[in-house]
Protein backbone atom coordinates (compact mmCIF):
# COMPACT_ATOMS: atom_id res chain seq x y z
CA MET A 1 0.02 0.07 -0.18
CA LEU A 2 1.12 3.43 -1.06
CA HIS A 3 2.45 5.66 2.08
CA ARG A 4 2.42 9.53 2.18
CA THR A 5 3.30 12.55 4.65
CA LEU A 6 0.54 14.50 5.66
CA THR A 7 1.31 18.18 6.84
CA ALA A 8 -1.27 18.29 9.17
CA HIS A 9 -0.52 21.60 10.71
CA ALA A 10 -2.71 23.41 8.65
CA ILE A 11 -5.39 21.01 8.84
CA ALA A 12 -5.49 20.93 12.25
CA ALA A 13 -5.05 24.97 12.50
CA ALA A 14 -8.02 25.41 10.30
CA ILE A 15 -10.32 22.99 12.59
CA LEU A 16 -8.92 25.37 15.67
CA ILE A 17 -10.12 28.44 13.91
CA VAL A 18 -13.88 26.96 12.92
CA CYS A 19 -14.26 25.73 16.20
CA ALA A 20 -12.74 28.60 18.30
CA ALA A 21 -16.02 30.44 18.93
CA ALA A 22 -17.47 26.80 20.57
CA GLN A 23 -14.19 25.80 21.82
CA PRO A 24 -15.35 22.87 24.18
CA ALA A 25 -14.41 23.60 28.51
CA VAL A 26 -11.38 21.28 29.22
CA ARG A 27 -11.52 20.88 33.20
CA THR A 28 -8.26 20.99 34.73
CA ILE A 29 -7.09 19.07 37.74
CA PRO A 30 -4.77 21.35 39.59
CA ASN A 31 -1.79 20.00 41.49
CA ALA A 32 -2.48 16.66 40.34
CA HIS A 33 1.32 15.92 40.85
CA SER A 34 3.76 18.42 42.38
CA GLY A 35 6.09 17.45 39.27
CA ASP A 36 5.80 16.86 34.92
CA VAL A 37 2.82 14.12 34.60
CA LEU A 38 4.58 11.15 32.70
CA GLY A 39 2.21 8.91 32.25
CA VAL A 40 -1.59 8.41 32.32
CA PHE A 41 -3.62 5.26 31.64
CA ILE A 42 -7.42 4.83 31.44
CA ASN A 43 -8.78 1.15 32.48
CA GLU A 44 -10.59 -0.97 30.58
CA ALA A 45 -13.92 -0.42 32.51
CA ASN A 46 -13.76 3.60 31.59
CA THR A 47 -13.99 3.73 35.94
CA ALA A 48 -10.38 4.81 36.71
CA VAL A 49 -7.22 6.17 35.27
CA ALA A 50 -3.81 6.02 36.73
CA SER A 51 -0.99 8.71 36.78
CA CYS A 52 2.41 8.84 37.15
CA SER A 53 4.79 11.96 37.58
CA ILE A 54 8.27 12.91 38.09
CA ASP A 55 7.61 13.57 41.74
CA GLY A 56 7.92 9.92 42.36
CA SER A 57 4.03 9.13 42.95
CA ILE A 58 1.50 6.94 41.39
CA LYS A 59 -2.03 8.60 41.83
CA LEU A 60 -5.72 6.53 41.17
CA TRP A 61 -8.34 8.73 40.02
CA HIS A 62 -12.22 7.82 39.52
CA LEU A 63 -14.12 8.40 36.43
CA PRO A 64 -16.08 10.05 35.16
CA THR A 65 -15.68 12.42 38.46
CA LEU A 66 -11.99 12.63 38.68
CA GLU A 67 -12.07 12.06 42.51
CA PRO A 68 -8.82 11.33 43.90
CA LEU A 69 -8.84 7.24 45.19
CA CYS A 70 -5.59 6.77 46.34
CA THR A 71 -1.47 7.34 45.94
CA LEU A 72 0.89 4.69 45.76
CA SER A 73 4.19 5.22 47.19
CA GLY A 74 7.16 3.34 47.17
CA HIS A 75 9.32 4.25 44.53
CA SER A 76 12.52 6.48 45.16
CA SER A 77 12.94 8.58 41.99
CA SER A 78 10.82 9.57 38.80
CA ILE A 79 8.04 7.10 37.71
CA ASN A 80 7.92 7.42 33.74
CA ASN A 81 5.01 5.44 33.11
CA VAL A 82 1.96 3.38 33.99
CA SER A 83 0.01 0.23 32.82
CA PHE A 84 -3.16 -1.44 34.49
CA SER A 85 -3.76 -5.29 34.14
CA GLY A 86 -5.94 -6.65 31.54
CA ASP A 87 -8.33 -7.45 34.41
CA ASP A 88 -8.06 -3.86 35.63
CA ALA A 89 -7.10 -5.45 39.26
CA PHE A 90 -3.61 -4.37 39.09
CA VAL A 91 -1.39 -1.48 37.86
CA ALA A 92 2.57 -1.69 37.27
CA SER A 93 4.84 1.38 36.98
CA ALA A 94 7.95 2.08 35.58
CA SER A 95 10.99 3.92 37.65
CA SER A 96 14.27 5.77 37.33
CA ASP A 97 14.82 3.98 40.53
CA ARG A 98 15.35 0.93 38.10
CA THR A 99 12.39 -1.19 39.24
CA LEU A 100 9.28 -2.27 37.88
CA ARG A 101 6.24 -2.56 40.46
CA ILE A 102 3.01 -4.00 40.86
CA TRP A 103 0.25 -2.71 42.75
CA ASN A 104 -3.33 -3.95 43.74
CA ALA A 105 -5.36 -1.42 42.18
CA THR A 106 -8.36 -2.15 44.77
CA SER A 107 -6.35 -1.94 47.85
CA CYS A 108 -3.57 0.34 46.85
CA THR A 109 -0.73 -1.78 48.28
CA GLN A 110 2.26 -2.95 46.46
CA ALA A 111 2.19 -6.48 45.18
CA THR A 112 6.16 -6.88 44.26
CA VAL A 113 9.14 -5.46 43.25
CA LEU A 114 11.21 -6.29 40.35
CA ARG A 115 14.81 -5.60 39.63
CA GLY A 116 16.87 -6.48 36.49
CA HIS A 117 17.15 -3.44 34.40
CA GLN A 118 20.71 -1.79 34.98
CA GLY A 119 19.56 1.60 34.17
CA ASP A 120 15.91 3.78 34.61
CA VAL A 121 12.95 1.83 33.45
CA LEU A 122 11.27 4.04 31.13
CA CYS A 123 8.29 2.05 29.84
CA VAL A 124 5.89 -0.85 30.94
CA TYR A 125 3.03 -2.28 29.48
CA PHE A 126 0.86 -5.36 31.18
CA SER A 127 -0.21 -8.18 28.68
CA GLN A 128 -3.97 -7.67 28.11
CA SER A 129 -5.71 -10.96 28.38
CA ASP A 130 -7.49 -10.94 31.80
CA THR A 131 -5.50 -14.00 32.97
CA GLY A 132 -2.21 -12.54 31.72
CA HIS A 133 1.04 -12.45 34.54
CA TYR A 134 3.37 -10.91 31.90
CA VAL A 135 4.61 -7.29 31.77
CA ALA A 136 6.89 -5.77 29.38
CA THR A 137 9.40 -3.04 30.19
CA GLY A 138 12.15 -1.06 28.06
CA GLY A 139 14.82 1.06 29.85
CA THR A 140 17.93 3.18 29.06
CA ASP A 141 20.03 0.01 29.25
CA ARG A 142 18.60 -0.50 25.62
CA THR A 143 16.49 -3.91 26.48
CA VAL A 144 12.88 -4.97 26.56
CA LYS A 145 12.50 -7.25 29.54
CA ILE A 146 9.25 -9.83 29.61
CA TRP A 147 8.35 -10.51 33.25
CA ASP A 148 6.32 -13.11 34.93
CA TRP A 149 5.23 -10.60 38.02
CA ARG A 150 3.59 -13.28 39.85
CA SER A 151 6.29 -15.33 40.09
CA GLY A 152 8.97 -12.79 40.06
CA ALA A 153 10.88 -14.35 37.33
CA GLU A 154 12.42 -12.12 34.70
CA LEU A 155 11.75 -14.64 31.50
CA LYS A 156 13.38 -12.75 28.49
CA THR A 157 15.41 -10.14 27.57
CA LEU A 158 15.57 -8.83 24.04
CA ARG A 159 18.25 -7.20 22.56
CA GLY A 160 18.14 -5.11 19.46
CA HIS A 161 17.73 -1.63 20.50
CA THR A 162 21.14 0.62 20.06
CA GLY A 163 19.46 3.49 21.99
CA ALA A 164 17.51 3.56 25.31
CA VAL A 165 14.11 1.91 24.75
CA THR A 166 11.54 4.48 25.48
CA GLY A 167 8.24 3.10 24.40
CA VAL A 168 7.00 -0.70 24.42
CA ALA A 169 3.18 -2.04 24.26
CA TYR A 170 1.94 -5.57 24.27
CA SER A 171 -0.41 -6.61 21.04
CA TYR A 172 -4.18 -7.25 22.46
CA ASN A 173 -4.13 -11.15 21.61
CA ASP A 174 -0.58 -11.24 23.14
CA SER A 175 1.33 -12.38 20.34
CA LEU A 176 3.24 -9.61 19.46
CA ILE A 177 5.08 -6.75 21.81
CA ALA A 178 6.43 -3.50 19.81
CA SER A 179 9.28 -1.74 20.88
CA CYS A 180 10.75 1.80 19.88
CA GLY A 181 13.71 3.92 21.03
CA ASP A 182 16.34 6.53 20.89
CA ASP A 183 18.15 5.09 18.05
CA MET A 184 14.83 5.75 16.00
CA GLN A 185 13.84 2.14 15.81
CA VAL A 186 10.50 0.39 15.88
CA LEU A 187 10.81 -3.27 16.42
CA VAL A 188 8.14 -6.11 16.69
CA TRP A 189 9.00 -9.02 18.44
CA SER A 190 7.20 -12.85 19.64
CA PRO A 191 7.45 -13.07 23.11
CA ALA A 192 8.99 -16.15 22.60
CA LYS A 193 11.54 -15.49 20.21
CA PRO A 194 14.51 -13.52 20.73
CA VAL A 195 14.77 -11.64 17.62
CA PRO A 196 12.28 -9.40 15.87
CA VAL A 197 9.60 -11.14 14.19
CA ILE A 198 8.19 -8.60 11.56
CA ALA A 199 10.17 -6.38 9.73
CA LEU A 200 8.91 -2.98 9.04
CA VAL A 201 9.04 -1.82 5.62
CA GLY A 202 9.09 1.74 4.28
CA PRO A 203 11.22 5.07 5.12
CA PRO A 204 11.76 4.63 9.26
CA HIS A 205 11.70 7.67 11.73
CA THR A 206 14.30 9.99 11.38
CA ALA A 207 14.29 11.10 14.99
CA PRO A 208 14.23 9.60 18.44
CA CYS A 209 10.79 7.64 18.71
CA THR A 210 8.77 8.41 21.91
CA ALA A 211 5.73 5.93 21.86
CA VAL A 212 4.43 2.75 20.08
CA LEU A 213 1.35 1.23 20.38
CA PHE A 214 -1.28 -1.81 18.90
CA SER A 215 -4.54 -1.25 17.76
CA PHE A 216 -7.18 -3.27 19.44
CA ASP A 217 -7.35 -5.53 16.27
CA SER A 218 -3.84 -6.09 16.34
CA ARG A 219 -4.20 -4.65 12.48
CA TYR A 220 -2.34 -1.58 13.24
CA LEU A 221 0.92 -0.26 14.86
CA ALA A 222 1.53 3.40 15.36
CA SER A 223 4.73 5.26 16.36
CA ALA A 224 5.77 8.74 17.43
CA ASP A 225 8.48 10.78 17.53
CA ARG A 226 10.59 13.85 18.72
CA ASP A 227 10.35 15.76 15.11
CA GLY A 228 6.68 15.33 15.66
CA PHE A 229 5.71 12.81 12.78
CA ILE A 230 3.53 9.64 13.19
CA LYS A 231 3.72 6.42 11.72
CA VAL A 232 1.22 3.84 10.75
CA TRP A 233 1.95 0.30 9.79
CA SER A 234 -0.21 -2.54 8.67
CA LEU A 235 0.05 -5.57 10.35
CA PRO A 236 1.36 -8.55 9.70
CA GLN A 237 2.67 -7.17 6.35
CA GLY A 238 4.79 -4.43 8.32
CA GLN A 239 3.90 -1.88 5.31
CA LEU A 240 4.31 1.47 6.10
CA LEU A 241 0.40 2.84 6.12
CA ARG A 242 1.02 6.45 5.87
CA THR A 243 3.03 9.03 8.03
CA ILE A 244 1.28 11.92 9.43
CA ASP A 245 2.70 15.47 10.34
CA ALA A 246 1.40 15.53 13.64
CA HIS A 247 2.77 17.98 15.67
CA ASP A 248 5.07 20.94 15.71
CA GLY A 249 7.82 19.35 17.35
CA TYR A 250 8.14 16.49 19.94
CA ALA A 251 4.78 14.02 20.04
CA SER A 252 5.03 12.53 23.08
CA ASP A 253 2.29 10.02 23.27
CA ILE A 254 -0.44 8.43 21.26
CA THR A 255 -3.82 6.51 22.18
CA PHE A 256 -6.29 4.62 19.78
CA ALA A 257 -9.85 4.53 20.43
CA ALA A 258 -11.62 1.03 20.29
CA ASP A 259 -12.81 1.32 16.84
CA ASN A 260 -9.34 1.24 15.82
CA THR A 261 -8.91 3.82 13.43
CA THR A 262 -9.08 6.72 15.27
CA LEU A 263 -5.96 7.73 16.91
CA ILE A 264 -5.38 10.64 19.33
CA SER A 265 -1.79 12.43 19.62
CA ALA A 266 -0.30 14.84 22.17
CA GLY A 267 2.60 16.74 21.99
CA HIS A 268 4.69 19.42 23.49
CA ASP A 269 3.33 22.03 21.45
CA GLY A 270 0.36 21.80 23.89
CA ALA A 271 -2.03 20.24 20.94
CA ILE A 272 -4.37 17.33 21.29
CA ARG A 273 -5.48 15.93 17.75
CA VAL A 274 -7.34 13.56 16.86
CA TRP A 275 -6.68 11.34 13.55
CA ASP A 276 -8.44 8.88 11.29
CA ILE A 277 -5.61 6.76 10.04
CA LEU A 278 -7.14 5.11 7.34
CA THR A 279 -7.49 8.66 5.45
CA GLY A 280 -4.90 10.48 7.55
CA THR A 281 -8.01 12.94 8.21
CA ALA A 282 -7.48 15.36 11.19
CA LEU A 283 -10.95 14.55 12.78
CA ASP A 284 -10.45 17.31 15.81
CA SER A 285 -7.82 19.16 17.71
CA LEU A 286 -7.69 20.88 20.99
CA GLN A 287 -5.13 23.46 21.85
CA LEU A 288 -3.68 23.53 25.42
CA ASP A 289 -1.34 26.38 27.18
CA VAL A 290 1.13 23.78 28.22
CA PRO A 291 3.54 20.88 27.24
CA ILE A 292 1.53 17.35 27.07
CA TRP A 293 3.56 14.48 28.30
CA SER A 294 0.67 11.91 28.54
CA ILE A 295 -2.88 10.96 26.98
CA ASP A 296 -5.22 8.57 27.04
CA VAL A 297 -8.70 7.99 26.00
CA THR A 298 -12.10 6.20 26.91
CA SER A 299 -13.59 3.55 24.85
CA ASP A 300 -15.70 5.75 22.82
CA GLY A 301 -13.16 8.41 21.93
CA GLY A 302 -15.34 10.72 24.01
CA THR A 303 -12.83 11.80 27.37
CA VAL A 304 -9.51 12.54 26.80
CA ILE A 305 -7.46 12.89 29.67
CA ALA A 306 -3.86 14.72 29.06
CA GLY A 307 -1.06 14.95 31.76
CA CYS A 308 1.24 17.88 31.69
CA SER A 309 4.14 19.61 32.67
CA ASP A 310 2.54 21.82 34.98
CA GLY A 311 1.55 18.88 37.10
CA THR A 312 -2.03 19.21 35.73
CA LEU A 313 -4.45 16.77 34.80
CA ARG A 314 -6.51 18.16 31.68
CA VAL A 315 -9.68 16.62 31.15
CA TRP A 316 -11.63 17.19 27.55
CA ARG A 317 -14.94 16.06 26.69
CA ARG A 318 -15.43 16.01 22.99
CA THR A 319 -18.35 16.95 21.23
CA ALA A 320 -17.63 14.53 18.61
CA THR A 321 -17.34 10.92 20.23
CA ASN A 322 -18.51 7.55 18.06
CA ASP A 323 -20.10 9.57 15.73
CA ASP A 324 -17.18 10.30 13.94
CA LYS A 325 -16.95 6.56 13.13
CA LYS A 326 -20.20 4.75 12.86
CA SER A 327 -18.60 1.62 14.34
CA PRO A 328 -19.54 0.03 17.57
CA PRO A 329 -17.17 0.60 20.77
CA LEU A 330 -14.89 -2.19 21.21
CA ARG A 331 -12.68 -3.03 24.29
CA LYS A 332 -10.20 -0.05 25.16
CA LYS A 333 -6.80 0.09 26.81
CA ARG A 334 -4.15 2.06 26.44
């Protein structure tokens, strides 16, 4: 399939101009953290969101009220990423203290601490089956590690990156793991094999990568980079479907809605943008007054939560939700 580069800044700007008079209210949760909010993750049931920060804390919040549920403390350094388990019962956190920690999301207690990385743990992702015991992590030691967190075993170390691993994700059938890094590579692994199993075909990223994510049907893989570009790959062929010029500089995070073709991106330019990956069309856009580190969305694509550099959470209730696509909502997790 042909790939193409879309210059989307003008499209997104036009959306902002047209919608300026009717700009939706954005709810701000002030002082959600005392430092940059580096990660947010909404659970599958759309009833809670986990956030993590450079301040060394993880917080759980009720949805849709955003009332605080509890604070998880134990890391001794910045917490770079969080992930809910497939059954919503546990939260995993990745920290610059070189540990992966698992927390009980109901009792708000620490379940286990896993050590093995030889550098900061930058990213984490739970396997998504409801019985999944596995967690993938990546770090500045240039490795991807797979853990059985219940037994505490480090099952496998995947080596292929030549720079820090900045993003990692399981596919939703747990058959694949994707990783991306400062080396500008996006690699796709099988949990059972030590080498990448899918070769991605097409022009690669030309800047360090920041995030990688599968669609829920595992037909697409999206990746973002520090120059503001998003690439969308079709699977299992690994062919580049399209490149989207999404942000003015650093594209910090991406998330799929449950229809599998709506992708939301955020960046240090303060923009949140909503894309149809099949056409490259910009569906919606919002401009905040602060750089954004992290983002997630509810199943219907209607509520977007952003973690910002000023320690706030910003909540955008979009006026256009599933009407963007006439597809029923499916299971949702980032």
